[in-house]
């Protein structure tokens, strides 16, 4: 009798262990938590953890069964080679979905690995048009792409800032080149000339040579395709060289950190940038509440993409619940037709996986701080 009871107890223990294993849903997050973009990558990872923690606290269920969501976070260091390595690591860990990456240069090569594994990927920050042009059915993004962002900035430079002589610099990354090319397409108009095209790298620290060339072309506006870690020092060197042109860039430079990185060289209304995404009207209260909760949770201010990471996790979880399954093959159709009201607004995807009616926010800097100009769609 005792032996029978022992066997029954052992069987129950095994069954419980098996049930417990089935109740874990793994969501991978990838961003650069080392290297020059670590402040943005950490911002993203913090938001992913916040979303996971909130979902677990609410009692996340699938098909009426309570499950535990687990975040598997990896660092790609903004490096494509490292990005594909950690992508394969997450595939091997049998994650149920991916939120990431941050940089277009790591997202695009990693997306092929996720696609081949049949995984769903939602990028909260990638703007390169190439990402969704690959037509991978499981690739989505929750921000507007470079075609919209760069083109909008180009038109703003000509129509609003009245720029005539424009210099363009990019950092040779997938993102930097892409947004610079789209910007160039938008700077058409009578008397408008691109007087210089130069490039640097994402890790360079001295831009004197290219800036000296640009100074000779006498631009009234300089556009930079790249990240804030380069834009800040570049602005300082422009000031040293006496270049007084307006400075413009995409979401990569459009951070709270730019004022600190550039110091007084950020000027007053000198820099104009656009962030993919943005809210206004009633949605501003929702975003303000998120920022407060994020600060309480992490002890840090939102840097840039945190709200979009948070919404990416939430919309993936919502699709799983609609499908009553964490199997990517089953929740992918739900994601394609989802309409989700998030912190960043309404999230719906077009057939390519791009956000529908994506917003852009134009900013300048005053007193070293970002100051919103407008939100446009």
Protein backbone atom coordinates (compact mmCIF):
# COMPACT_ATOMS: atom_id res chain seq x y z
CA UNK A 1 0.00 0.00 0.00
CA UNK A 2 2.78 2.43 0.91
CA UNK A 3 4.56 1.61 -2.34
CA UNK A 4 1.36 2.31 -4.26
CA UNK A 5 0.92 5.65 -2.53
CA UNK A 6 4.54 6.51 -3.24
CA UNK A 7 4.15 5.71 -6.93
CA UNK A 8 1.01 7.78 -7.13
CA UNK A 9 2.75 10.72 -5.43
CA UNK A 10 5.72 10.37 -7.79
CA UNK A 11 3.41 10.30 -10.81
CA UNK A 12 1.60 13.36 -9.55
CA UNK A 13 4.91 15.16 -9.10
CA UNK A 14 5.90 14.35 -12.69
CA UNK A 15 2.54 15.48 -13.99
CA UNK A 16 2.78 18.72 -12.04
CA UNK A 17 6.27 19.34 -13.38
CA UNK A 18 5.08 18.72 -16.92
CA UNK A 19 2.14 21.07 -16.48
CA UNK A 20 4.44 23.70 -15.03
CA UNK A 21 6.81 23.45 -18.02
CA UNK A 22 3.88 23.96 -20.40
CA UNK A 23 2.82 27.09 -18.56
CA UNK A 24 5.94 29.12 -19.42
CA UNK A 25 5.77 31.36 -22.50
CA UNK A 26 9.13 32.79 -23.50
CA UNK A 27 9.41 36.20 -25.17
CA UNK A 28 12.83 37.23 -26.40
CA UNK A 29 14.05 40.82 -26.34
CA UNK A 30 17.17 42.03 -28.12
CA UNK A 31 18.78 45.46 -27.92
CA UNK A 32 22.21 47.00 -27.40
CA UNK A 33 22.89 47.10 -23.66
CA UNK A 34 26.59 47.55 -24.37
CA UNK A 35 28.35 49.92 -26.76
CA UNK A 36 27.49 53.47 -27.82
CA UNK A 37 23.72 52.88 -27.89
CA UNK A 38 23.53 51.13 -24.52
CA UNK A 39 21.38 53.89 -23.00
CA UNK A 40 18.72 53.23 -25.63
CA UNK A 41 19.03 49.45 -25.41
CA UNK A 42 18.62 49.51 -21.63
CA UNK A 43 15.60 51.78 -22.03
CA UNK A 44 14.07 49.15 -24.30
CA UNK A 45 14.90 46.21 -22.06
CA UNK A 46 13.44 47.98 -19.03
CA UNK A 47 10.18 48.53 -20.89
CA UNK A 48 10.00 44.88 -21.98
CA UNK A 49 10.49 43.73 -18.37
CA UNK A 50 7.87 46.19 -17.18
CA UNK A 51 5.31 44.81 -19.66
CA UNK A 52 6.09 41.19 -18.75
CA UNK A 53 5.87 41.94 -15.02
CA UNK A 54 2.51 43.69 -15.43
CA UNK A 55 1.04 40.86 -17.50
CA UNK A 56 2.16 38.26 -14.96
CA UNK A 57 0.79 40.35 -12.09
CA UNK A 58 -2.61 40.48 -13.78
CA UNK A 59 -2.65 36.71 -14.16
CA UNK A 60 -1.98 36.10 -17.85
CA UNK A 61 -4.09 33.27 -19.28
CA UNK A 62 -4.26 31.36 -22.55
CA UNK A 63 -7.38 29.35 -23.33
CA UNK A 64 -8.49 29.70 -19.73
CA UNK A 65 -5.19 28.43 -18.30
CA UNK A 66 -2.88 30.66 -16.27
CA UNK A 67 0.61 30.83 -17.76
CA UNK A 68 3.84 32.57 -16.80
CA UNK A 69 5.52 34.90 -19.25
CA UNK A 70 9.32 34.86 -19.15
CA UNK A 71 11.61 37.47 -20.75
CA UNK A 72 14.83 36.23 -22.33
CA UNK A 73 16.91 39.36 -22.89
CA UNK A 74 20.00 39.46 -25.11
CA UNK A 75 22.56 42.13 -26.00
CA UNK A 76 23.44 42.69 -29.68
CA UNK A 77 25.80 45.61 -29.02
CA UNK A 78 24.42 47.28 -32.20
CA UNK A 79 26.66 44.85 -34.09
CA UNK A 80 25.15 42.79 -36.97
CA UNK A 81 27.37 39.76 -36.29
CA UNK A 82 26.51 39.75 -32.59
CA UNK A 83 22.88 40.34 -33.51
CA UNK A 84 22.62 37.21 -35.63
CA UNK A 85 24.43 35.18 -32.97
CA UNK A 86 21.95 36.12 -30.23
CA UNK A 87 19.06 35.65 -32.66
CA UNK A 88 20.12 32.04 -33.15
CA UNK A 89 20.53 31.68 -29.38
CA UNK A 90 16.90 32.73 -28.87
CA UNK A 91 15.73 30.38 -31.61
CA UNK A 92 17.59 27.54 -29.88
CA UNK A 93 15.93 28.54 -26.59
CA UNK A 94 12.54 27.99 -28.29
CA UNK A 95 11.12 31.41 -27.59
CA UNK A 96 7.52 32.04 -28.61
CA UNK A 97 8.18 35.49 -30.09
CA UNK A 98 10.74 38.27 -30.42
CA UNK A 99 10.54 41.96 -29.53
CA UNK A 100 13.51 43.74 -31.10
CA UNK A 101 15.99 44.67 -32.33
CA UNK A 102 16.66 48.42 -31.95
CA UNK A 103 19.07 49.14 -34.81
CA UNK A 104 18.08 48.47 -38.40
CA UNK A 105 21.58 47.08 -39.02
CA UNK A 106 20.99 44.26 -36.53
CA UNK A 107 17.26 43.80 -37.12
CA UNK A 108 17.45 43.08 -40.84
CA UNK A 109 19.99 40.20 -40.75
CA UNK A 110 18.42 38.74 -37.59
CA UNK A 111 14.97 38.79 -39.17
CA UNK A 112 16.00 36.08 -41.66
CA UNK A 113 16.94 33.79 -38.76
CA UNK A 114 13.60 34.36 -37.04
CA UNK A 115 11.73 33.86 -40.32
CA UNK A 116 13.48 30.57 -41.03
CA UNK A 117 12.52 29.41 -37.52
CA UNK A 118 8.87 30.35 -38.01
CA UNK A 119 8.95 33.01 -35.29
CA UNK A 120 7.05 36.27 -34.97
CA UNK A 121 9.18 39.41 -34.60
CA UNK A 122 7.92 42.87 -33.66
CA UNK A 123 10.49 45.65 -33.86
CA UNK A 124 9.79 48.68 -31.69
CA UNK A 125 12.40 50.88 -33.37
CA UNK A 126 13.60 49.63 -36.76
CA UNK A 127 12.81 52.13 -39.51
CA UNK A 128 14.76 50.75 -42.52
CA UNK A 129 12.34 50.03 -45.36
CA UNK A 130 14.31 46.86 -46.17
CA UNK A 131 13.00 45.16 -43.01
CA UNK A 132 9.43 44.72 -44.23
CA UNK A 133 10.29 44.72 -47.93
CA UNK A 134 11.65 41.21 -47.38
CA UNK A 135 7.99 40.15 -47.07
CA UNK A 136 8.58 37.84 -44.13
CA UNK A 137 5.04 37.12 -42.85
CA UNK A 138 6.09 37.24 -39.19
CA UNK A 139 7.97 40.59 -39.33
CA UNK A 140 6.18 43.65 -37.91
CA UNK A 141 7.06 47.11 -36.66
CA UNK A 142 5.18 49.62 -34.53
CA UNK A 143 6.90 52.80 -35.81
CA UNK A 144 6.85 54.62 -39.14
CA UNK A 145 9.60 53.66 -41.58
CA UNK A 146 12.42 55.71 -43.11
CA UNK A 147 10.47 56.51 -46.24
CA UNK A 148 7.98 58.47 -44.18
CA UNK A 149 10.44 59.79 -41.60
CA UNK A 150 13.19 60.90 -43.99
CA UNK A 151 10.78 62.24 -46.58
CA UNK A 152 8.88 64.26 -43.98
CA UNK A 153 12.10 65.79 -42.65
CA UNK A 154 13.21 66.64 -46.19
CA UNK A 155 10.01 68.49 -46.92
CA UNK A 156 10.12 70.23 -43.54
CA UNK A 157 13.68 71.42 -44.23
CA UNK A 158 12.63 73.01 -47.51
CA UNK A 159 9.09 74.19 -46.81
CA UNK A 160 9.33 75.30 -43.18
CA UNK A 161 13.01 75.93 -42.47
CA UNK A 162 13.48 77.39 -45.98
CA UNK A 163 16.82 75.63 -46.39
CA UNK A 164 18.51 76.11 -49.77
CA UNK A 165 22.05 74.74 -49.38
CA UNK A 166 21.96 71.37 -47.66
CA UNK A 167 24.78 69.08 -46.57
CA UNK A 168 24.12 65.40 -45.81
CA UNK A 169 26.21 63.09 -43.61
CA UNK A 170 25.50 59.45 -42.77
CA UNK A 171 27.21 56.87 -40.56
CA UNK A 172 27.25 54.05 -43.16
CA UNK A 173 24.87 51.89 -41.13
CA UNK A 174 21.69 50.43 -42.62
CA UNK A 175 19.67 52.95 -40.63
CA UNK A 176 21.90 55.98 -41.22
CA UNK A 177 22.21 55.50 -44.96
CA UNK A 178 18.52 54.68 -45.33
CA UNK A 179 17.17 57.72 -43.54
CA UNK A 180 19.71 60.00 -45.29
CA UNK A 181 18.66 58.67 -48.70
CA UNK A 182 14.99 59.19 -47.94
CA UNK A 183 15.74 62.70 -46.65
CA UNK A 184 17.57 63.53 -49.89
CA UNK A 185 14.49 62.48 -51.87
CA UNK A 186 12.39 64.98 -49.92
CA UNK A 187 14.60 68.07 -50.38
CA UNK A 188 13.31 69.01 -53.79
CA UNK A 189 12.34 72.55 -54.69
CA UNK A 190 13.33 75.69 -56.60
CA UNK A 191 16.84 76.78 -55.70
CA UNK A 192 17.43 73.86 -53.31
CA UNK A 193 20.82 72.18 -53.65
CA UNK A 194 22.59 69.35 -51.86
CA UNK A 195 26.01 71.01 -51.63
CA UNK A 196 27.87 68.16 -49.88
CA UNK A 197 27.52 64.46 -49.17
CA UNK A 198 29.90 62.97 -46.62
CA UNK A 199 30.03 59.94 -44.37
CA UNK A 200 31.53 58.82 -41.09
CA UNK A 201 31.13 55.67 -38.98
CA UNK A 202 29.01 54.81 -35.97
CA UNK A 203 32.14 54.58 -33.79
CA UNK A 204 34.12 57.59 -35.05
CA UNK A 205 34.95 60.43 -32.68
CA UNK A 206 36.71 62.97 -34.94
CA UNK A 207 34.71 64.57 -37.74
CA UNK A 208 37.01 67.52 -38.42
CA UNK A 209 37.95 66.50 -41.97
CA UNK A 210 34.41 66.07 -43.27
CA UNK A 211 33.10 69.09 -41.39
CA UNK A 212 35.87 71.27 -42.82
CA UNK A 213 34.81 70.19 -46.33
CA UNK A 214 31.21 70.96 -45.50
CA UNK A 215 32.07 74.37 -44.07
CA UNK A 216 33.56 75.31 -47.41
CA UNK A 217 30.24 74.54 -49.11
CA UNK A 218 28.47 77.06 -46.82
CA UNK A 219 25.35 75.04 -46.02
CA UNK A 220 22.43 76.54 -44.13
CA UNK A 221 21.37 73.05 -42.97
CA UNK A 222 23.28 69.86 -42.15
CA UNK A 223 21.41 66.55 -42.04
CA UNK A 224 22.92 63.61 -40.18
CA UNK A 225 21.75 60.02 -40.58
CA UNK A 226 22.92 58.21 -37.46
CA UNK A 227 22.64 58.01 -33.69
CA UNK A 228 22.87 60.52 -30.84
CA UNK A 229 26.24 59.13 -29.67
CA UNK A 230 27.78 60.58 -32.86
CA UNK A 231 25.48 63.57 -33.32
CA UNK A 232 26.34 65.07 -29.92
CA UNK A 233 30.14 65.23 -30.45
CA UNK A 234 29.55 66.27 -34.08
CA UNK A 235 27.55 69.28 -32.95
CA UNK A 236 30.38 70.26 -30.60
CA UNK A 237 32.91 70.08 -33.43
CA UNK A 238 30.62 72.06 -35.74
CA UNK A 239 30.52 74.82 -33.16
CA UNK A 240 34.32 74.77 -32.82
CA UNK A 241 34.66 75.11 -36.60
CA UNK A 242 32.17 77.98 -36.73
CA UNK A 243 29.47 76.11 -38.66
CA UNK A 244 26.22 77.83 -37.74
CA UNK A 245 23.89 75.81 -39.98
CA UNK A 246 20.74 74.21 -38.64
CA UNK A 247 21.21 70.55 -37.73
CA UNK A 248 18.64 67.90 -38.56
CA UNK A 249 18.31 64.16 -38.08
CA UNK A 250 15.95 61.24 -37.59
CA UNK A 251 14.85 59.36 -34.51
CA UNK A 252 18.38 58.08 -33.87
CA UNK A 253 19.46 61.53 -32.68
CA UNK A 254 16.09 62.60 -31.30
CA UNK A 255 16.71 61.65 -27.67
CA UNK A 256 16.74 63.30 -24.28
CA UNK A 257 20.43 62.42 -24.14
CA UNK A 258 21.38 64.59 -27.14
CA UNK A 259 21.35 67.77 -25.04
CA UNK A 260 23.81 66.21 -22.60
CA UNK A 261 26.00 64.75 -25.35
CA UNK A 262 26.16 68.04 -27.30
CA UNK A 263 26.31 70.42 -24.36
CA UNK A 264 25.72 74.06 -25.28
CA UNK A 265 26.38 73.18 -28.95
CA UNK A 266 22.80 71.90 -29.16
CA UNK A 267 21.81 75.58 -29.21
CA UNK A 268 18.33 77.07 -29.10
CA UNK A 269 16.03 75.83 -31.86
CA UNK A 270 19.16 74.86 -33.81
CA UNK A 271 18.41 71.13 -33.98
CA UNK A 272 15.28 69.70 -35.59
CA UNK A 273 14.62 65.99 -35.46
CA UNK A 274 11.78 63.53 -35.87
CA UNK A 275 10.88 60.58 -33.70
CA UNK A 276 8.98 57.71 -35.26
CA UNK A 277 5.73 57.68 -33.31
CA UNK A 278 4.11 60.22 -31.07
CA UNK A 279 0.78 61.12 -29.53
CA UNK A 280 -1.35 64.19 -28.99
CA UNK A 281 -4.78 65.05 -27.67
CA UNK A 282 -6.33 62.59 -25.23
CA UNK A 283 -3.54 60.08 -25.86
CA UNK A 284 -1.05 62.43 -24.19
CA UNK A 285 -2.53 61.60 -20.80
CA UNK A 286 -2.04 57.88 -21.44
CA UNK A 287 1.58 58.47 -22.42
CA UNK A 288 2.19 60.70 -19.39
CA UNK A 289 0.85 57.96 -17.12
CA UNK A 290 3.18 55.44 -18.77
CA UNK A 291 6.19 57.71 -18.24
CA UNK A 292 5.31 58.09 -14.57
CA UNK A 293 4.92 54.33 -14.09
CA UNK A 294 8.15 53.68 -16.00
CA UNK A 295 10.06 56.07 -13.73
CA UNK A 296 8.56 54.45 -10.63
CA UNK A 297 9.41 50.97 -11.91
CA UNK A 298 12.92 51.57 -13.25
CA UNK A 299 14.13 54.73 -11.55
CA UNK A 300 14.95 56.16 -14.98
CA UNK A 301 13.29 58.52 -17.43
CA UNK A 302 12.09 57.23 -20.79
CA UNK A 303 14.89 57.75 -23.31
CA UNK A 304 13.16 57.11 -26.63
CA UNK A 305 11.60 53.79 -27.62
CA UNK A 306 10.41 52.40 -24.26
CA UNK A 307 6.69 53.04 -24.97
CA UNK A 308 6.97 51.21 -28.29
CA UNK A 309 8.72 48.23 -26.68
CA UNK A 310 6.02 48.09 -24.03
CA UNK A 311 3.29 48.16 -26.67
CA UNK A 312 5.12 45.53 -28.77
CA UNK A 313 5.05 43.09 -25.85
CA UNK A 314 1.44 43.91 -25.09
CA UNK A 315 0.21 43.53 -28.67
CA UNK A 316 2.03 40.20 -29.00
CA UNK A 317 0.43 39.00 -25.77
CA UNK A 318 -2.99 40.18 -26.96
CA UNK A 319 -2.60 38.23 -30.21
CA UNK A 320 -1.69 35.11 -28.21
CA UNK A 321 -4.79 35.53 -26.07
CA UNK A 322 -7.00 36.02 -29.13
CA UNK A 323 -5.56 32.83 -30.63
CA UNK A 324 -5.68 31.02 -27.26
CA UNK A 325 -2.14 29.87 -28.02
CA UNK A 326 1.49 30.99 -27.82
CA UNK A 327 2.34 28.99 -30.93
CA UNK A 328 3.54 31.58 -33.53
CA UNK A 329 1.77 29.72 -36.35
CA UNK A 330 -1.51 30.11 -34.47
CA UNK A 331 -1.24 33.67 -33.15
CA UNK A 332 0.33 35.17 -36.31
CA UNK A 333 -3.06 35.44 -38.10
CA UNK A 334 -4.45 37.24 -35.05
CA UNK A 335 -1.56 39.71 -35.10
CA UNK A 336 -2.19 40.47 -38.76
CA UNK A 337 -5.77 41.53 -38.05
CA UNK A 338 -5.36 42.98 -34.59
CA UNK A 339 -6.51 46.45 -33.57
CA UNK A 340 -4.92 47.25 -30.25
CA UNK A 341 -5.20 50.46 -28.23
CA UNK A 342 -1.76 50.95 -26.70
CA UNK A 343 0.23 53.61 -24.92
CA UNK A 344 1.42 54.88 -28.30
CA UNK A 345 -2.03 54.88 -29.89
CA UNK A 346 -3.90 52.46 -32.13
CA UNK A 347 -1.76 49.62 -33.42
CA UNK A 348 -2.81 47.97 -36.67
CA UNK A 349 -0.54 46.52 -39.33
CA UNK A 350 -0.75 46.73 -43.11
CA UNK A 351 -0.19 43.60 -45.24
CA UNK A 352 3.59 44.23 -45.21
CA UNK A 353 3.76 44.34 -41.40
CA UNK A 354 4.22 48.11 -41.22
CA UNK A 355 2.25 50.18 -38.75
CA UNK A 356 -0.84 51.72 -40.31
CA UNK A 357 -1.08 55.51 -40.24
CA UNK A 358 2.15 55.78 -38.26
CA UNK A 359 2.81 59.04 -36.46
CA UNK A 360 5.93 61.19 -36.45
CA UNK A 361 6.84 63.75 -33.81
CA UNK A 362 8.97 66.74 -34.71
CA UNK A 363 11.20 68.13 -31.95
CA UNK A 364 13.70 70.89 -31.38
CA UNK A 365 15.89 71.63 -28.34
CA UNK A 366 15.57 74.54 -25.93
CA UNK A 367 17.68 74.93 -22.84
CA UNK A 368 19.28 71.58 -23.59
CA UNK A 369 15.91 69.80 -23.44
CA UNK A 370 13.71 68.33 -26.13
CA UNK A 371 10.75 70.48 -27.03
CA UNK A 372 7.95 69.15 -29.20
CA UNK A 373 7.03 71.02 -32.36
CA UNK A 374 4.16 68.87 -33.59
CA UNK A 375 2.82 65.34 -34.14
CA UNK A 376 1.94 64.53 -37.72
CA UNK A 377 0.53 61.48 -39.49
